C-alpha cells in the first residue's frame, strides 16, 4: 500500500526501509536533507522526467520529497501518513501543518513516545475534520529493522483493517496489535518502558553484586549461562553478554538519562493507586545519575551500556 513517512531518524528511517522492502510505496520526508538523501540512495531513487524536480522516484515507486505539502499531494486519497518524530514540539508542529492539509477519511499514525493524555487531545482535533488518528507505541530500537518491531496501537477499531498490513509487515508477524482506543498505544508503550527501567535496573544491580563479591568472575560467561534455559533469559541478558565481552567499563561514565516514560508510568500509577516501587526506584537512579550522583558505580555503567546497545543512545566515556 501507499504510505507517507514524516521523520527519518533512527526509528523512522528503519520503518521506511522495512516498508519499502516489503513492497509498500513509501513517500518520505525529513526536515534535514541528509536523511532524505540516505533514503533516496537506499531505494535507488533517480529523477525521472516529467516528474516534478523535487520528487525523486525510487525503484518500487517510493519517493523522497522536500516538503510536507508535497508529501500530502503525492499520496492517493484516502491517505495514510505516519509521523515518527520526537515527542513534544517536533510532533506538535508537524501535526499542526498536517491538520491544514489532510482531508476527511485520511489516517494519521503517530509514532512518538508521547504522553497518552496529549495524544488523546490531538486525536480529538483531527477527529473534528474526519481524520482518524492512531498512536503506535513502537519498541525495538536500532534492532527493529533486523528483528522486527513490537507495536502497541491505539485508535478507532473501524479503521484498523486499513493499517493492519503495515503493522504486520513491520512486526515479527505477531508482535503488534490494536490494544484499545486512542491513547491506549502510548499508555501501554509508556508502561512497557517503565517495566524496561525496572528490568534493566535489576540486571545491572545483579551483575554489580557478583562483581563486588568476586571481580574475577567472568560476567560474559555468566550472561552466556543465563541466556538459555534460565528464568531471567531475555534480550537484555543477550545484550549484557555483548557488553561484558567487548567493553572496558573502567572508562564508561554511568550517566543514564531518563526520557519521560518511566516518570509518566509512576505518575499514572499513583493516580490509579497502584504500587510501582521498583519502577519508581529505577527512575530515581536515573535522575541521580543526571545530577552526576553515583556515575562511577558499576551498576550505572551497565545501565548506560544497555541503553546504548538497544537504543543507540550515547555513552559518555573518560578519555
C-alpha atoms as a PDB file:
ATOM      1  CA  UNK A   1       0.000   0.000   0.000  1.00  0.00           C
ATOM      2  CA  UNK A   2       0.984   3.658  -0.223  1.00  0.00           C
ATOM      3  CA  UNK A   3       2.143   5.463   2.922  1.00  0.00           C
ATOM      4  CA  UNK A   4       3.799   8.738   3.816  1.00  0.00           C
ATOM      5  CA  UNK A   5       6.577   8.735   6.418  1.00  0.00           C
ATOM      6  CA  UNK A   6       7.437  12.008   8.158  1.00  0.00           C
ATOM      7  CA  UNK A   7      10.677  11.753  10.132  1.00  0.00           C
ATOM      8  CA  UNK A   8      13.691   9.685   9.067  1.00  0.00           C
ATOM      9  CA  UNK A   9      15.598   9.496  12.337  1.00  0.00           C
ATOM     10  CA  UNK A  10      16.827   6.300  13.996  1.00  0.00           C
ATOM     11  CA  UNK A  11      13.342   4.786  14.096  1.00  0.00           C
ATOM     12  CA  UNK A  12      11.644   6.466  11.142  1.00  0.00           C
ATOM     13  CA  UNK A  13      14.394   5.540   8.689  1.00  0.00           C
ATOM     14  CA  UNK A  14      14.132   1.880   9.712  1.00  0.00           C
ATOM     15  CA  UNK A  15      10.357   1.913   9.307  1.00  0.00           C
ATOM     16  CA  UNK A  16      10.644   3.498   5.862  1.00  0.00           C
ATOM     17  CA  UNK A  17      13.243   0.953   4.714  1.00  0.00           C
ATOM     18  CA  UNK A  18      11.300  -2.053   6.015  1.00  0.00           C
ATOM     19  CA  UNK A  19       8.064  -0.937   4.365  1.00  0.00           C
ATOM     20  CA  UNK A  20       9.901  -0.279   1.098  1.00  0.00           C
ATOM     21  CA  UNK A  21      11.461  -3.756   1.216  1.00  0.00           C
ATOM     22  CA  UNK A  22       8.003  -5.225   1.876  1.00  0.00           C
ATOM     23  CA  UNK A  23       6.790  -3.627  -1.380  1.00  0.00           C
ATOM     24  CA  UNK A  24       4.887  -0.724   0.107  1.00  0.00           C
ATOM     25  CA  UNK A  25       5.158   2.564  -1.761  1.00  0.00           C
ATOM     26  CA  UNK A  26       6.810   4.955   0.685  1.00  0.00           C
ATOM     27  CA  UNK A  27       6.717   8.735   0.292  1.00  0.00           C
ATOM     28  CA  UNK A  28       9.279  10.078   2.769  1.00  0.00           C
ATOM     29  CA  UNK A  29      10.166  13.481   4.186  1.00  0.00           C
ATOM     30  CA  UNK A  30      12.609  14.709   6.806  1.00  0.00           C
ATOM     31  CA  UNK A  31      13.394  18.274   7.845  1.00  0.00           C
ATOM     32  CA  UNK A  32      17.167  17.953   7.407  1.00  0.00           C
ATOM     33  CA  UNK A  33      18.401  16.858   3.963  1.00  0.00           C
ATOM     34  CA  UNK A  34      20.911  14.155   4.946  1.00  0.00           C
ATOM     35  CA  UNK A  35      18.338  11.508   5.975  1.00  0.00           C
ATOM     36  CA  UNK A  36      16.320  12.267   2.828  1.00  0.00           C
ATOM     37  CA  UNK A  37      19.399  11.685   0.703  1.00  0.00           C
ATOM     38  CA  UNK A  38      20.192   8.466   2.572  1.00  0.00           C
ATOM     39  CA  UNK A  39      16.714   7.060   1.950  1.00  0.00           C
ATOM     40  CA  UNK A  40      16.879   8.140  -1.698  1.00  0.00           C
ATOM     41  CA  UNK A  41      20.145   6.228  -2.079  1.00  0.00           C
ATOM     42  CA  UNK A  42      18.631   3.215  -0.329  1.00  0.00           C
ATOM     43  CA  UNK A  43      15.751   2.916  -2.777  1.00  0.00           C
ATOM     44  CA  UNK A  44      17.977   3.691  -5.753  1.00  0.00           C
ATOM     45  CA  UNK A  45      15.986   6.848  -6.388  1.00  0.00           C
ATOM     46  CA  UNK A  46      16.577   8.805  -9.562  1.00  0.00           C
ATOM     47  CA  UNK A  47      14.787  11.736 -11.137  1.00  0.00           C
ATOM     48  CA  UNK A  48      12.560  10.540 -13.945  1.00  0.00           C
ATOM     49  CA  UNK A  49      11.093  13.257 -16.192  1.00  0.00           C
ATOM     50  CA  UNK A  50       8.448  14.620 -16.300  1.00  0.00           C
ATOM     51  CA  UNK A  51       8.268  14.042 -12.535  1.00  0.00           C
ATOM     52  CA  UNK A  52       8.486  17.348 -10.622  1.00  0.00           C
ATOM     53  CA  UNK A  53      12.113  18.079  -9.870  1.00  0.00           C
ATOM     54  CA  UNK A  54      11.652  17.911  -6.116  1.00  0.00           C
ATOM     55  CA  UNK A  55      10.284  14.362  -6.142  1.00  0.00           C
ATOM     56  CA  UNK A  56      12.746  11.519  -6.683  1.00  0.00           C
ATOM     57  CA  UNK A  57      11.073   8.276  -7.685  1.00  0.00           C
ATOM     58  CA  UNK A  58      12.528   5.056  -6.351  1.00  0.00           C
ATOM     59  CA  UNK A  59      12.751   1.563  -7.766  1.00  0.00           C
ATOM     60  CA  UNK A  60       9.441   0.436  -6.213  1.00  0.00           C
ATOM     61  CA  UNK A  61       7.704   3.769  -6.627  1.00  0.00           C
ATOM     62  CA  UNK A  62       8.987   5.040  -3.281  1.00  0.00           C
ATOM     63  CA  UNK A  63       9.736   8.740  -3.182  1.00  0.00           C
ATOM     64  CA  UNK A  64      11.664  11.388  -1.302  1.00  0.00           C
ATOM     65  CA  UNK A  65      10.088  14.839  -1.135  1.00  0.00           C
ATOM     66  CA  UNK A  66      11.304  18.145   0.227  1.00  0.00           C
ATOM     67  CA  UNK A  67       8.158  19.484   1.910  1.00  0.00           C
ATOM     68  CA  UNK A  68       5.274  18.086   3.922  1.00  0.00           C
ATOM     69  CA  UNK A  69       2.850  19.626   1.444  1.00  0.00           C
ATOM     70  CA  UNK A  70       4.463  17.701  -1.423  1.00  0.00           C
ATOM     71  CA  UNK A  71       4.213  14.519   0.594  1.00  0.00           C
ATOM     72  CA  UNK A  72       0.486  15.014   1.136  1.00  0.00           C
ATOM     73  CA  UNK A  73      -0.096  15.830  -2.543  1.00  0.00           C
ATOM     74  CA  UNK A  74       1.874  12.741  -3.606  1.00  0.00           C
ATOM     75  CA  UNK A  75      -0.422  10.353  -1.727  1.00  0.00           C
ATOM     76  CA  UNK A  76      -3.646   8.931  -3.096  1.00  0.00           C
ATOM     77  CA  UNK A  77      -6.769   9.513  -1.019  1.00  0.00           C
ATOM     78  CA  UNK A  78      -7.684   8.319   1.495  1.00  0.00           C
ATOM     79  CA  UNK A  79      -4.133   8.967   2.668  1.00  0.00           C
ATOM     80  CA  UNK A  80      -2.151   7.142   5.339  1.00  0.00           C
ATOM     81  CA  UNK A  81       0.668   9.123   6.966  1.00  0.00           C
ATOM     82  CA  UNK A  82       2.997   8.018   9.767  1.00  0.00           C
ATOM     83  CA  UNK A  83       4.812  10.699  11.774  1.00  0.00           C
ATOM     84  CA  UNK A  84       7.900   9.310  13.526  1.00  0.00           C
ATOM     85  CA  UNK A  85       9.247  12.372  15.300  1.00  0.00           C
ATOM     86  CA  UNK A  86      10.418  13.217  18.823  1.00  0.00           C
ATOM     87  CA  UNK A  87       7.591  13.893  21.259  1.00  0.00           C
ATOM     88  CA  UNK A  88       6.741  17.497  22.015  1.00  0.00           C
ATOM     89  CA  UNK A  89       7.325  20.412  19.660  1.00  0.00           C
ATOM     90  CA  UNK A  90       8.549  18.470  16.580  1.00  0.00           C
ATOM     91  CA  UNK A  91       5.429  16.278  16.548  1.00  0.00           C
ATOM     92  CA  UNK A  92       3.146  19.160  17.529  1.00  0.00           C
ATOM     93  CA  UNK A  93       4.487  21.301  14.675  1.00  0.00           C
ATOM     94  CA  UNK A  94       4.103  18.529  12.089  1.00  0.00           C
ATOM     95  CA  UNK A  95       0.574  17.716  13.235  1.00  0.00           C
ATOM     96  CA  UNK A  96      -0.431  21.370  13.109  1.00  0.00           C
ATOM     97  CA  UNK A  97       0.693  21.536   9.479  1.00  0.00           C
ATOM     98  CA  UNK A  98      -0.993  18.233   8.614  1.00  0.00           C
ATOM     99  CA  UNK A  99      -4.254  19.390  10.183  1.00  0.00           C
ATOM    100  CA  UNK A 100      -4.452  22.039   7.475  1.00  0.00           C
ATOM    101  CA  UNK A 101      -3.506  19.670   4.643  1.00  0.00           C
ATOM    102  CA  UNK A 102      -5.330  16.391   5.287  1.00  0.00           C
ATOM    103  CA  UNK A 103      -8.927  15.624   4.344  1.00  0.00           C
ATOM    104  CA  UNK A 104     -11.821  13.684   5.824  1.00  0.00           C
ATOM    105  CA  UNK A 105     -11.176   9.946   5.517  1.00  0.00           C
ATOM    106  CA  UNK A 106      -7.389  10.244   5.847  1.00  0.00           C
ATOM    107  CA  UNK A 107      -5.500   8.329   8.543  1.00  0.00           C
ATOM    108  CA  UNK A 108      -2.646   9.648  10.684  1.00  0.00           C
ATOM    109  CA  UNK A 109      -0.359   7.317  12.650  1.00  0.00           C
ATOM    110  CA  UNK A 110       1.693   8.947  15.414  1.00  0.00           C
ATOM    111  CA  UNK A 111       4.786   7.003  16.464  1.00  0.00           C
ATOM    112  CA  UNK A 112       6.151   9.478  19.016  1.00  0.00           C
ATOM    113  CA  UNK A 113       6.751   8.367  22.596  1.00  0.00           C
ATOM    114  CA  UNK A 114       4.179  10.940  23.638  1.00  0.00           C
ATOM    115  CA  UNK A 115       2.195  11.274  26.846  1.00  0.00           C
ATOM    116  CA  UNK A 116      -1.095   9.474  26.290  1.00  0.00           C
ATOM    117  CA  UNK A 117      -3.114  12.467  27.522  1.00  0.00           C
ATOM    118  CA  UNK A 118      -1.531  14.707  24.877  1.00  0.00           C
ATOM    119  CA  UNK A 119      -2.251  12.065  22.236  1.00  0.00           C
ATOM    120  CA  UNK A 120      -5.947  11.926  23.118  1.00  0.00           C
ATOM    121  CA  UNK A 121      -6.284  15.716  22.821  1.00  0.00           C
ATOM    122  CA  UNK A 122      -4.509  15.742  19.448  1.00  0.00           C
ATOM    123  CA  UNK A 123      -6.699  12.961  18.120  1.00  0.00           C
ATOM    124  CA  UNK A 124      -9.809  14.918  19.043  1.00  0.00           C
ATOM    125  CA  UNK A 125      -8.658  17.827  16.848  1.00  0.00           C
ATOM    126  CA  UNK A 126      -8.191  15.534  13.847  1.00  0.00           C
ATOM    127  CA  UNK A 127     -11.480  13.738  14.502  1.00  0.00           C
ATOM    128  CA  UNK A 128     -13.339  17.042  14.070  1.00  0.00           C
ATOM    129  CA  UNK A 129     -12.131  17.023  10.443  1.00  0.00           C
ATOM    130  CA  UNK A 130     -12.997  13.357   9.925  1.00  0.00           C
ATOM    131  CA  UNK A 131      -9.348  12.257  10.174  1.00  0.00           C
ATOM    132  CA  UNK A 132      -8.653   9.083  12.160  1.00  0.00           C
ATOM    133  CA  UNK A 133      -5.555   9.100  14.339  1.00  0.00           C
ATOM    134  CA  UNK A 134      -3.723   6.059  15.692  1.00  0.00           C
ATOM    135  CA  UNK A 135      -0.944   6.158  18.286  1.00  0.00           C
ATOM    136  CA  UNK A 136       1.680   3.499  17.628  1.00  0.00           C
ATOM    137  CA  UNK A 137       3.979   2.819  20.557  1.00  0.00           C
ATOM    138  CA  UNK A 138       6.956   1.227  18.847  1.00  0.00           C
ATOM    139  CA  UNK A 139       9.669  -0.825  20.540  1.00  0.00           C
ATOM    140  CA  UNK A 140      12.698  -2.499  19.027  1.00  0.00           C
ATOM    141  CA  UNK A 141      15.263   0.277  18.989  1.00  0.00           C
ATOM    142  CA  UNK A 142      18.054   0.087  16.462  1.00  0.00           C
ATOM    143  CA  UNK A 143      17.410  -3.659  16.053  1.00  0.00           C
ATOM    144  CA  UNK A 144      13.848  -3.278  14.820  1.00  0.00           C
ATOM    145  CA  UNK A 145      14.718  -3.397  11.141  1.00  0.00           C
ATOM    146  CA  UNK A 146      16.569  -6.690  11.567  1.00  0.00           C
ATOM    147  CA  UNK A 147      14.425  -8.424  14.198  1.00  0.00           C
ATOM    148  CA  UNK A 148      11.008  -6.841  13.717  1.00  0.00           C
ATOM    149  CA  UNK A 149       9.312  -4.204  15.853  1.00  0.00           C
ATOM    150  CA  UNK A 150       6.866  -4.582  18.720  1.00  0.00           C
ATOM    151  CA  UNK A 151       3.997  -2.165  18.023  1.00  0.00           C
ATOM    152  CA  UNK A 152       1.277  -1.232  20.506  1.00  0.00           C
ATOM    153  CA  UNK A 153      -1.516   0.611  18.700  1.00  0.00           C
ATOM    154  CA  UNK A 154      -4.418   2.689  19.967  1.00  0.00           C
ATOM    155  CA  UNK A 155      -7.174   4.109  17.789  1.00  0.00           C
ATOM    156  CA  UNK A 156     -10.561   3.652  16.121  1.00  0.00           C
ATOM    157  CA  UNK A 157     -11.402  -0.012  15.607  1.00  0.00           C
ATOM    158  CA  UNK A 158     -13.363   0.632  12.401  1.00  0.00           C
ATOM    159  CA  UNK A 159     -10.206   1.938  10.651  1.00  0.00           C
ATOM    160  CA  UNK A 160      -7.822  -0.715  11.979  1.00  0.00           C
ATOM    161  CA  UNK A 161      -8.026  -3.056   8.974  1.00  0.00           C
ATOM    162  CA  UNK A 162      -6.721  -0.284   6.733  1.00  0.00           C
ATOM    163  CA  UNK A 163      -3.387  -0.009   8.560  1.00  0.00           C
ATOM    164  CA  UNK A 164      -3.067  -3.587   9.832  1.00  0.00           C
ATOM    165  CA  UNK A 165      -0.925  -4.738   6.850  1.00  0.00           C
ATOM    166  CA  UNK A 166       1.606  -2.015   7.687  1.00  0.00           C
ATOM    167  CA  UNK A 167       1.851  -3.094  11.308  1.00  0.00           C
ATOM    168  CA  UNK A 168       2.112  -6.763  10.362  1.00  0.00           C
ATOM    169  CA  UNK A 169       4.971  -6.117   7.948  1.00  0.00           C
ATOM    170  CA  UNK A 170       6.885  -4.039  10.493  1.00  0.00           C
ATOM    171  CA  UNK A 171       6.495  -6.595  13.275  1.00  0.00           C
ATOM    172  CA  UNK A 172       7.635 -10.188  13.639  1.00  0.00           C
ATOM    173  CA  UNK A 173       4.195 -11.117  12.331  1.00  0.00           C
ATOM    174  CA  UNK A 174       2.698 -11.420  15.797  1.00  0.00           C
ATOM    175  CA  UNK A 175       4.273  -8.620  17.842  1.00  0.00           C
ATOM    176  CA  UNK A 176       1.646  -5.985  17.069  1.00  0.00           C
ATOM    177  CA  UNK A 177      -1.967  -5.272  17.830  1.00  0.00           C
ATOM    178  CA  UNK A 178      -4.739  -2.776  18.456  1.00  0.00           C
ATOM    179  CA  UNK A 179      -4.732  -2.639  22.254  1.00  0.00           C
ATOM    180  CA  UNK A 180      -7.529  -0.097  22.732  1.00  0.00           C
ATOM    181  CA  UNK A 181      -8.904   3.304  21.806  1.00  0.00           C
ATOM    182  CA  UNK A 182      -6.841   6.405  21.037  1.00  0.00           C
ATOM    183  CA  UNK A 183      -4.145   6.877  23.683  1.00  0.00           C
ATOM    184  CA  UNK A 184      -4.006   3.190  24.607  1.00  0.00           C
ATOM    185  CA  UNK A 185      -0.990   2.566  22.375  1.00  0.00           C
ATOM    186  CA  UNK A 186       1.011   5.309  24.078  1.00  0.00           C
ATOM    187  CA  UNK A 187      -0.198   4.225  27.523  1.00  0.00           C
ATOM    188  CA  UNK A 188       0.858   0.598  27.007  1.00  0.00           C
ATOM    189  CA  UNK A 189       4.197   1.707  25.498  1.00  0.00           C
ATOM    190  CA  UNK A 190       4.697   4.029  28.479  1.00  0.00           C
ATOM    191  CA  UNK A 191       4.234   1.125  30.886  1.00  0.00           C
ATOM    192  CA  UNK A 192       6.466  -1.050  28.660  1.00  0.00           C
ATOM    193  CA  UNK A 193       9.248   1.491  29.135  1.00  0.00           C
ATOM    194  CA  UNK A 194       8.581   1.654  32.869  1.00  0.00           C
ATOM    195  CA  UNK A 195       8.956  -2.130  33.053  1.00  0.00           C
ATOM    196  CA  UNK A 196      12.112  -1.784  30.972  1.00  0.00           C
ATOM    197  CA  UNK A 197      13.547   0.607  33.593  1.00  0.00           C
ATOM    198  CA  UNK A 198      12.906  -1.920  36.362  1.00  0.00           C
ATOM    199  CA  UNK A 199      14.262  -4.899  34.432  1.00  0.00           C
ATOM    200  CA  UNK A 200      17.417  -3.061  33.434  1.00  0.00           C
ATOM    201  CA  UNK A 201      17.978  -1.888  36.998  1.00  0.00           C
ATOM    202  CA  UNK A 202      17.602  -5.403  38.424  1.00  0.00           C
ATOM    203  CA  UNK A 203      20.010  -6.856  35.854  1.00  0.00           C
ATOM    204  CA  UNK A 204      22.594  -4.117  36.428  1.00  0.00           C
ATOM    205  CA  UNK A 205      22.325  -4.471  40.209  1.00  0.00           C
ATOM    206  CA  UNK A 206      22.689  -8.246  39.996  1.00  0.00           C
ATOM    207  CA  UNK A 207      25.871  -8.073  37.961  1.00  0.00           C
ATOM    208  CA  UNK A 208      27.179  -5.387  40.332  1.00  0.00           C
ATOM    209  CA  UNK A 209      26.667  -7.728  43.308  1.00  0.00           C
ATOM    210  CA  UNK A 210      28.559 -10.541  41.569  1.00  0.00           C
ATOM    211  CA  UNK A 211      31.362  -8.199  40.530  1.00  0.00           C
ATOM    212  CA  UNK A 212      31.691  -6.826  44.074  1.00  0.00           C
ATOM    213  CA  UNK A 213      31.812 -10.307  45.615  1.00  0.00           C
ATOM    214  CA  UNK A 214      34.481 -11.557  43.205  1.00  0.00           C
ATOM    215  CA  UNK A 215      35.738  -9.297  40.385  1.00  0.00           C
ATOM    216  CA  UNK A 216      37.464 -12.297  38.802  1.00  0.00           C
ATOM    217  CA  UNK A 217      34.150 -13.930  37.863  1.00  0.00           C
ATOM    218  CA  UNK A 218      33.671 -13.692  34.105  1.00  0.00           C
ATOM    219  CA  UNK A 219      30.382 -11.838  33.677  1.00  0.00           C
ATOM    220  CA  UNK A 220      30.290 -12.596  29.958  1.00  0.00           C
ATOM    221  CA  UNK A 221      30.322 -16.285  30.860  1.00  0.00           C
ATOM    222  CA  UNK A 222      27.585 -15.752  33.460  1.00  0.00           C
ATOM    223  CA  UNK A 223      25.485 -13.944  30.850  1.00  0.00           C
ATOM    224  CA  UNK A 224      26.021 -16.806  28.416  1.00  0.00           C
ATOM    225  CA  UNK A 225      24.878 -19.343  31.019  1.00  0.00           C
ATOM    226  CA  UNK A 226      21.781 -17.254  31.707  1.00  0.00           C
ATOM    227  CA  UNK A 227      20.927 -16.776  28.027  1.00  0.00           C
ATOM    228  CA  UNK A 228      19.305 -20.161  27.507  1.00  0.00           C
ATOM    229  CA  UNK A 229      17.082 -22.079  29.889  1.00  0.00           C
ATOM    230  CA  UNK A 230      17.229 -19.680  32.833  1.00  0.00           C
ATOM    231  CA  UNK A 231      14.269 -17.804  34.326  1.00  0.00           C
ATOM    232  CA  UNK A 232      15.996 -14.464  33.601  1.00  0.00           C
ATOM    233  CA  UNK A 233      16.887 -15.250  29.976  1.00  0.00           C
ATOM    234  CA  UNK A 234      15.986 -12.237  27.815  1.00  0.00           C
ATOM    235  CA  UNK A 235      17.231  -9.864  25.147  1.00  0.00           C
ATOM    236  CA  UNK A 236      18.677  -7.666  27.905  1.00  0.00           C
ATOM    237  CA  UNK A 237      20.770 -10.616  29.083  1.00  0.00           C
ATOM    238  CA  UNK A 238      21.872 -11.181  25.465  1.00  0.00           C
ATOM    239  CA  UNK A 239      22.990  -7.551  25.320  1.00  0.00           C
ATOM    240  CA  UNK A 240      24.706  -7.879  28.698  1.00  0.00           C
ATOM    241  CA  UNK A 241      26.863 -10.672  27.337  1.00  0.00           C
ATOM    242  CA  UNK A 242      27.875  -8.466  24.414  1.00  0.00           C
ATOM    243  CA  UNK A 243      28.757  -5.666  26.834  1.00  0.00           C
ATOM    244  CA  UNK A 244      30.954  -7.810  29.064  1.00  0.00           C
ATOM    245  CA  UNK A 245      32.694  -9.387  26.068  1.00  0.00           C
ATOM    246  CA  UNK A 246      33.547  -6.098  24.376  1.00  0.00           C
ATOM    247  CA  UNK A 247      33.521  -3.168  26.794  1.00  0.00           C
ATOM    248  CA  UNK A 248      36.091  -1.671  29.164  1.00  0.00           C
ATOM    249  CA  UNK A 249      33.783  -0.481  31.933  1.00  0.00           C
ATOM    250  CA  UNK A 250      36.553   1.459  33.697  1.00  0.00           C
ATOM    251  CA  UNK A 251      36.272   4.168  31.038  1.00  0.00           C
ATOM    252  CA  UNK A 252      32.476   4.337  30.991  1.00  0.00           C
ATOM    253  CA  UNK A 253      30.681   7.169  32.789  1.00  0.00           C
ATOM    254  CA  UNK A 254      27.470   5.949  34.396  1.00  0.00           C
ATOM    255  CA  UNK A 255      25.221   8.668  33.009  1.00  0.00           C
ATOM    256  CA  UNK A 256      21.760   7.161  32.474  1.00  0.00           C
ATOM    257  CA  UNK A 257      19.224   9.575  31.037  1.00  0.00           C
ATOM    258  CA  UNK A 258      15.507   9.111  31.615  1.00  0.00           C
ATOM    259  CA  UNK A 259      13.282  10.082  28.691  1.00  0.00           C
ATOM    260  CA  UNK A 260       9.902  10.647  30.310  1.00  0.00           C
ATOM    261  CA  UNK A 261       8.031   7.370  30.003  1.00  0.00           C
ATOM    262  CA  UNK A 262       9.281   5.993  33.326  1.00  0.00           C
ATOM    263  CA  UNK A 263       8.206   9.148  35.146  1.00  0.00           C
ATOM    264  CA  UNK A 264       4.824   9.118  33.382  1.00  0.00           C
ATOM    265  CA  UNK A 265       4.340   5.494  34.436  1.00  0.00           C
ATOM    266  CA  UNK A 266       4.981   6.360  38.078  1.00  0.00           C
ATOM    267  CA  UNK A 267       2.637   9.369  37.884  1.00  0.00           C
ATOM    268  CA  UNK A 268      -0.146   7.348  36.251  1.00  0.00           C
ATOM    269  CA  UNK A 269       0.283   4.529  38.765  1.00  0.00           C
ATOM    270  CA  UNK A 270      -0.041   6.919  41.701  1.00  0.00           C
ATOM    271  CA  UNK A 271      -3.276   8.322  40.260  1.00  0.00           C
ATOM    272  CA  UNK A 272      -4.584   4.772  39.864  1.00  0.00           C
ATOM    273  CA  UNK A 273      -3.469   3.732  43.334  1.00  0.00           C
ATOM    274  CA  UNK A 274      -1.006   1.126  42.065  1.00  0.00           C
ATOM    275  CA  UNK A 275       2.256   0.494  43.944  1.00  0.00           C
ATOM    276  CA  UNK A 276       5.191   0.636  41.491  1.00  0.00           C
ATOM    277  CA  UNK A 277       8.100   0.905  43.914  1.00  0.00           C
ATOM    278  CA  UNK A 278      10.542  -0.976  41.666  1.00  0.00           C
ATOM    279  CA  UNK A 279       9.905   1.293  38.676  1.00  0.00           C
ATOM    280  CA  UNK A 280       9.994   4.368  40.943  1.00  0.00           C
ATOM    281  CA  UNK A 281      13.346   3.322  42.428  1.00  0.00           C
ATOM    282  CA  UNK A 282      14.864   2.673  38.997  1.00  0.00           C
ATOM    283  CA  UNK A 283      13.656   6.095  37.864  1.00  0.00           C
ATOM    284  CA  UNK A 284      15.317   7.701  40.893  1.00  0.00           C
ATOM    285  CA  UNK A 285      18.637   6.052  39.991  1.00  0.00           C
ATOM    286  CA  UNK A 286      18.478   7.681  36.552  1.00  0.00           C
ATOM    287  CA  UNK A 287      17.549  11.088  37.958  1.00  0.00           C
ATOM    288  CA  UNK A 288      20.504  10.917  40.344  1.00  0.00           C
ATOM    289  CA  UNK A 289      22.888   9.964  37.538  1.00  0.00           C
ATOM    290  CA  UNK A 290      21.772  13.023  35.572  1.00  0.00           C
ATOM    291  CA  UNK A 291      22.916  15.089  38.580  1.00  0.00           C
ATOM    292  CA  UNK A 292      26.310  13.333  38.482  1.00  0.00           C
ATOM    293  CA  UNK A 293      25.439  11.187  41.506  1.00  0.00           C
ATOM    294  CA  UNK A 294      26.815   7.614  41.524  1.00  0.00           C
ATOM    295  CA  UNK A 295      28.092   7.864  37.949  1.00  0.00           C
ATOM    296  CA  UNK A 296      31.102   5.744  38.880  1.00  0.00           C
ATOM    297  CA  UNK A 297      29.040   2.823  40.156  1.00  0.00           C
ATOM    298  CA  UNK A 298      29.333  -0.456  38.241  1.00  0.00           C
ATOM    299  CA  UNK A 299      25.529  -0.640  38.123  1.00  0.00           C
ATOM    300  CA  UNK A 300      25.184   2.719  36.393  1.00  0.00           C
ATOM    301  CA  UNK A 301      27.822   1.855  33.824  1.00  0.00           C
ATOM    302  CA  UNK A 302      25.966  -1.320  32.886  1.00  0.00           C
ATOM    303  CA  UNK A 303      22.717   0.660  32.584  1.00  0.00           C
ATOM    304  CA  UNK A 304      24.349   3.219  30.290  1.00  0.00           C
ATOM    305  CA  UNK A 305      25.753   0.488  28.062  1.00  0.00           C
ATOM    306  CA  UNK A 306      22.449  -1.400  27.896  1.00  0.00           C
ATOM    307  CA  UNK A 307      20.695   1.781  26.711  1.00  0.00           C
ATOM    308  CA  UNK A 308      23.336   2.137  24.039  1.00  0.00           C
ATOM    309  CA  UNK A 309      23.016  -1.445  22.863  1.00  0.00           C
ATOM    310  CA  UNK A 310      19.271  -1.484  22.262  1.00  0.00           C
ATOM    311  CA  UNK A 311      18.552   2.158  21.541  1.00  0.00           C
ATOM    312  CA  UNK A 312      21.756   3.620  20.146  1.00  0.00           C
ATOM    313  CA  UNK A 313      21.910   6.145  22.999  1.00  0.00           C
ATOM    314  CA  UNK A 314      25.231   7.904  23.516  1.00  0.00           C
ATOM    315  CA  UNK A 315      27.624   6.572  26.149  1.00  0.00           C
ATOM    316  CA  UNK A 316      29.892   9.073  27.887  1.00  0.00           C
ATOM    317  CA  UNK A 317      33.454   7.840  28.318  1.00  0.00           C
ATOM    318  CA  UNK A 318      36.569   9.071  30.065  1.00  0.00           C
ATOM    319  CA  UNK A 319      39.470   9.821  27.779  1.00  0.00           C
END
